């Protein structure tokens, strides 16, 4: 396995989105991300140790078709987690703000979670770890 370390470079998650401005507003206003940079068809956001890269289909290298000619598109069930302290309160605030909820609160081995959607239909998991 090849691991290359570069100064200032961090791993990230890339989502394909429909509208850069709507996605940036969603992630900054509702989930506490900060804008690192924004350009036509692209935005880079950070939240703690997570870098989120947002691309329009067709924009930059990440928005190009695969070898079969399929364009990237938003949606699916792949997701990243945002850890929250009080899931009930956070989910209620997001519902009040009109954020689509894909799953209500469910319990699992790692705590309680709910899945919401960004403006392009990409899944984001909210996780409340067990208290002990």
C-alpha atoms as a PDB file:
ATOM      1  CA  UNK A   1       0.000   0.000   0.000  1.00  0.00           C
ATOM      2  CA  UNK A   2       1.331   3.405  -0.989  1.00  0.00           C
ATOM      3  CA  UNK A   3       0.654   6.243   1.413  1.00  0.00           C
ATOM      4  CA  UNK A   4       1.944   9.647   0.481  1.00  0.00           C
ATOM      5  CA  UNK A   5       1.963  12.475   2.992  1.00  0.00           C
ATOM      6  CA  UNK A   6       1.884  16.004   1.700  1.00  0.00           C
ATOM      7  CA  UNK A   7       2.008  19.126   3.773  1.00  0.00           C
ATOM      8  CA  UNK A   8      -1.484  20.567   4.327  1.00  0.00           C
ATOM      9  CA  UNK A   9      -3.259  17.796   2.399  1.00  0.00           C
ATOM     10  CA  UNK A  10      -6.059  15.958   4.161  1.00  0.00           C
ATOM     11  CA  UNK A  11      -8.393  13.168   3.104  1.00  0.00           C
ATOM     12  CA  UNK A  12     -11.913  14.120   2.179  1.00  0.00           C
ATOM     13  CA  UNK A  13     -15.286  13.052   0.900  1.00  0.00           C
ATOM     14  CA  UNK A  14     -16.572  14.169  -2.502  1.00  0.00           C
ATOM     15  CA  UNK A  15     -20.270  14.586  -3.228  1.00  0.00           C
ATOM     16  CA  UNK A  16     -21.800  15.277  -6.607  1.00  0.00           C
ATOM     17  CA  UNK A  17     -24.428  17.991  -6.199  1.00  0.00           C
ATOM     18  CA  UNK A  18     -27.011  19.814  -8.340  1.00  0.00           C
ATOM     19  CA  UNK A  19     -26.464  23.370  -7.061  1.00  0.00           C
ATOM     20  CA  UNK A  20     -23.238  24.615  -5.470  1.00  0.00           C
ATOM     21  CA  UNK A  21     -24.805  27.604  -3.704  1.00  0.00           C
ATOM     22  CA  UNK A  22     -27.627  25.512  -2.214  1.00  0.00           C
ATOM     23  CA  UNK A  23     -25.189  22.824  -1.051  1.00  0.00           C
ATOM     24  CA  UNK A  24     -22.811  25.367   0.518  1.00  0.00           C
ATOM     25  CA  UNK A  25     -25.710  27.052   2.321  1.00  0.00           C
ATOM     26  CA  UNK A  26     -26.985  23.683   3.609  1.00  0.00           C
ATOM     27  CA  UNK A  27     -23.640  22.465   4.943  1.00  0.00           C
ATOM     28  CA  UNK A  28     -22.591  25.798   6.476  1.00  0.00           C
ATOM     29  CA  UNK A  29     -25.946  26.813   7.974  1.00  0.00           C
ATOM     30  CA  UNK A  30     -27.179  23.437   9.205  1.00  0.00           C
ATOM     31  CA  UNK A  31     -24.085  21.317   9.877  1.00  0.00           C
ATOM     32  CA  UNK A  32     -21.358  23.782  10.850  1.00  0.00           C
ATOM     33  CA  UNK A  33     -19.005  23.479   7.855  1.00  0.00           C
ATOM     34  CA  UNK A  34     -16.757  26.386   6.833  1.00  0.00           C
ATOM     35  CA  UNK A  35     -16.029  27.356   3.224  1.00  0.00           C
ATOM     36  CA  UNK A  36     -12.372  26.888   2.279  1.00  0.00           C
ATOM     37  CA  UNK A  37     -12.908  27.839  -1.369  1.00  0.00           C
ATOM     38  CA  UNK A  38     -15.702  28.145  -3.898  1.00  0.00           C
ATOM     39  CA  UNK A  39     -15.460  28.344  -7.685  1.00  0.00           C
ATOM     40  CA  UNK A  40     -17.893  27.761 -10.547  1.00  0.00           C
ATOM     41  CA  UNK A  41     -19.137  24.172 -10.240  1.00  0.00           C
ATOM     42  CA  UNK A  42     -17.091  23.397  -7.115  1.00  0.00           C
ATOM     43  CA  UNK A  43     -16.739  24.107  -3.397  1.00  0.00           C
ATOM     44  CA  UNK A  44     -14.393  22.868  -0.676  1.00  0.00           C
ATOM     45  CA  UNK A  45     -15.689  22.848   2.909  1.00  0.00           C
ATOM     46  CA  UNK A  46     -14.153  21.821   6.238  1.00  0.00           C
ATOM     47  CA  UNK A  47     -15.681  20.729   9.539  1.00  0.00           C
ATOM     48  CA  UNK A  48     -13.184  19.691  12.211  1.00  0.00           C
ATOM     49  CA  UNK A  49     -11.106  16.943  10.530  1.00  0.00           C
ATOM     50  CA  UNK A  50     -13.478  16.387   7.599  1.00  0.00           C
ATOM     51  CA  UNK A  51     -12.965  17.994   4.205  1.00  0.00           C
ATOM     52  CA  UNK A  52     -16.042  17.927   1.956  1.00  0.00           C
ATOM     53  CA  UNK A  53     -15.610  18.503  -1.772  1.00  0.00           C
ATOM     54  CA  UNK A  54     -18.743  19.413  -3.723  1.00  0.00           C
ATOM     55  CA  UNK A  55     -18.853  19.063  -7.531  1.00  0.00           C
ATOM     56  CA  UNK A  56     -21.422  19.685 -10.221  1.00  0.00           C
ATOM     57  CA  UNK A  57     -21.571  16.930 -12.869  1.00  0.00           C
ATOM     58  CA  UNK A  58     -19.220  17.949 -15.687  1.00  0.00           C
ATOM     59  CA  UNK A  59     -17.205  20.352 -13.506  1.00  0.00           C
ATOM     60  CA  UNK A  60     -13.498  19.626 -13.067  1.00  0.00           C
ATOM     61  CA  UNK A  61     -11.934  16.193 -13.158  1.00  0.00           C
ATOM     62  CA  UNK A  62     -14.300  14.669 -10.584  1.00  0.00           C
ATOM     63  CA  UNK A  63     -17.376  15.629 -12.596  1.00  0.00           C
ATOM     64  CA  UNK A  64     -16.309  13.811 -15.766  1.00  0.00           C
ATOM     65  CA  UNK A  65     -17.958  10.624 -17.098  1.00  0.00           C
ATOM     66  CA  UNK A  66     -16.575   7.184 -16.319  1.00  0.00           C
ATOM     67  CA  UNK A  67     -15.197   4.862 -19.016  1.00  0.00           C
ATOM     68  CA  UNK A  68     -18.740   3.689 -19.826  1.00  0.00           C
ATOM     69  CA  UNK A  69     -19.876   7.295 -20.402  1.00  0.00           C
ATOM     70  CA  UNK A  70     -21.982   7.627 -17.231  1.00  0.00           C
ATOM     71  CA  UNK A  71     -21.934  11.063 -15.621  1.00  0.00           C
ATOM     72  CA  UNK A  72     -21.612  11.333 -11.860  1.00  0.00           C
ATOM     73  CA  UNK A  73     -24.923  12.070 -10.164  1.00  0.00           C
ATOM     74  CA  UNK A  74     -26.083  12.853  -6.635  1.00  0.00           C
ATOM     75  CA  UNK A  75     -27.957  10.488  -4.349  1.00  0.00           C
ATOM     76  CA  UNK A  76     -27.396   6.929  -3.218  1.00  0.00           C
ATOM     77  CA  UNK A  77     -26.850   5.589   0.288  1.00  0.00           C
ATOM     78  CA  UNK A  78     -23.119   6.229   0.719  1.00  0.00           C
ATOM     79  CA  UNK A  79     -22.716   8.839   3.411  1.00  0.00           C
ATOM     80  CA  UNK A  80     -20.499  10.358   6.046  1.00  0.00           C
ATOM     81  CA  UNK A  81     -21.330  10.851   9.717  1.00  0.00           C
ATOM     82  CA  UNK A  82     -21.687  14.063  11.659  1.00  0.00           C
ATOM     83  CA  UNK A  83     -21.465  13.316  15.379  1.00  0.00           C
ATOM     84  CA  UNK A  84     -24.013  15.234  17.462  1.00  0.00           C
ATOM     85  CA  UNK A  85     -24.586  15.464  21.220  1.00  0.00           C
ATOM     86  CA  UNK A  86     -28.398  15.589  21.268  1.00  0.00           C
ATOM     87  CA  UNK A  87     -29.853  13.892  18.219  1.00  0.00           C
ATOM     88  CA  UNK A  88     -33.490  14.599  19.077  1.00  0.00           C
ATOM     89  CA  UNK A  89     -32.890  18.360  19.295  1.00  0.00           C
ATOM     90  CA  UNK A  90     -30.676  18.508  16.210  1.00  0.00           C
ATOM     91  CA  UNK A  91     -33.132  16.508  14.106  1.00  0.00           C
ATOM     92  CA  UNK A  92     -36.081  18.637  15.287  1.00  0.00           C
ATOM     93  CA  UNK A  93     -34.193  21.825  14.317  1.00  0.00           C
ATOM     94  CA  UNK A  94     -33.397  20.410  10.862  1.00  0.00           C
ATOM     95  CA  UNK A  95     -36.995  19.278  10.308  1.00  0.00           C
ATOM     96  CA  UNK A  96     -38.203  22.770  11.286  1.00  0.00           C
ATOM     97  CA  UNK A  97     -35.779  24.191   8.702  1.00  0.00           C
ATOM     98  CA  UNK A  98     -37.297  21.962   5.995  1.00  0.00           C
ATOM     99  CA  UNK A  99     -34.366  19.533   5.667  1.00  0.00           C
ATOM    100  CA  UNK A 100     -35.537  16.218   4.170  1.00  0.00           C
ATOM    101  CA  UNK A 101     -35.291  13.263   6.577  1.00  0.00           C
ATOM    102  CA  UNK A 102     -34.588   9.908   4.960  1.00  0.00           C
ATOM    103  CA  UNK A 103     -34.802   7.886   8.180  1.00  0.00           C
ATOM    104  CA  UNK A 104     -36.144   8.795  11.568  1.00  0.00           C
ATOM    105  CA  UNK A 105     -34.083   7.975  14.622  1.00  0.00           C
ATOM    106  CA  UNK A 106     -32.911   4.363  14.761  1.00  0.00           C
ATOM    107  CA  UNK A 107     -30.798   2.571  17.351  1.00  0.00           C
ATOM    108  CA  UNK A 108     -27.769   0.502  16.486  1.00  0.00           C
ATOM    109  CA  UNK A 109     -24.706  -0.949  18.161  1.00  0.00           C
ATOM    110  CA  UNK A 110     -22.839   2.344  17.808  1.00  0.00           C
ATOM    111  CA  UNK A 111     -25.564   4.617  19.137  1.00  0.00           C
ATOM    112  CA  UNK A 112     -28.608   6.404  17.732  1.00  0.00           C
ATOM    113  CA  UNK A 113     -28.681   7.766  14.207  1.00  0.00           C
ATOM    114  CA  UNK A 114     -30.852   9.455  11.614  1.00  0.00           C
ATOM    115  CA  UNK A 115     -30.177  10.056   7.925  1.00  0.00           C
ATOM    116  CA  UNK A 116     -30.985  13.421   6.353  1.00  0.00           C
ATOM    117  CA  UNK A 117     -30.514  14.645   2.775  1.00  0.00           C
ATOM    118  CA  UNK A 118     -28.657  17.630   1.394  1.00  0.00           C
ATOM    119  CA  UNK A 119     -30.368  19.737  -1.308  1.00  0.00           C
ATOM    120  CA  UNK A 120     -29.155  17.308  -4.019  1.00  0.00           C
ATOM    121  CA  UNK A 121     -30.458  14.180  -2.255  1.00  0.00           C
ATOM    122  CA  UNK A 122     -27.088  13.016  -0.873  1.00  0.00           C
ATOM    123  CA  UNK A 123     -27.333  11.206   2.457  1.00  0.00           C
ATOM    124  CA  UNK A 124     -25.755  12.577   5.648  1.00  0.00           C
ATOM    125  CA  UNK A 125     -25.862  10.486   8.813  1.00  0.00           C
ATOM    126  CA  UNK A 126     -26.300  12.196  12.172  1.00  0.00           C
ATOM    127  CA  UNK A 127     -24.861  10.006  14.928  1.00  0.00           C
ATOM    128  CA  UNK A 128     -25.345  10.310  18.678  1.00  0.00           C
ATOM    129  CA  UNK A 129     -22.841   7.902  20.262  1.00  0.00           C
ATOM    130  CA  UNK A 130     -23.926   5.956  23.350  1.00  0.00           C
ATOM    131  CA  UNK A 131     -23.438   7.860  26.587  1.00  0.00           C
ATOM    132  CA  UNK A 132     -21.445   4.982  28.074  1.00  0.00           C
END
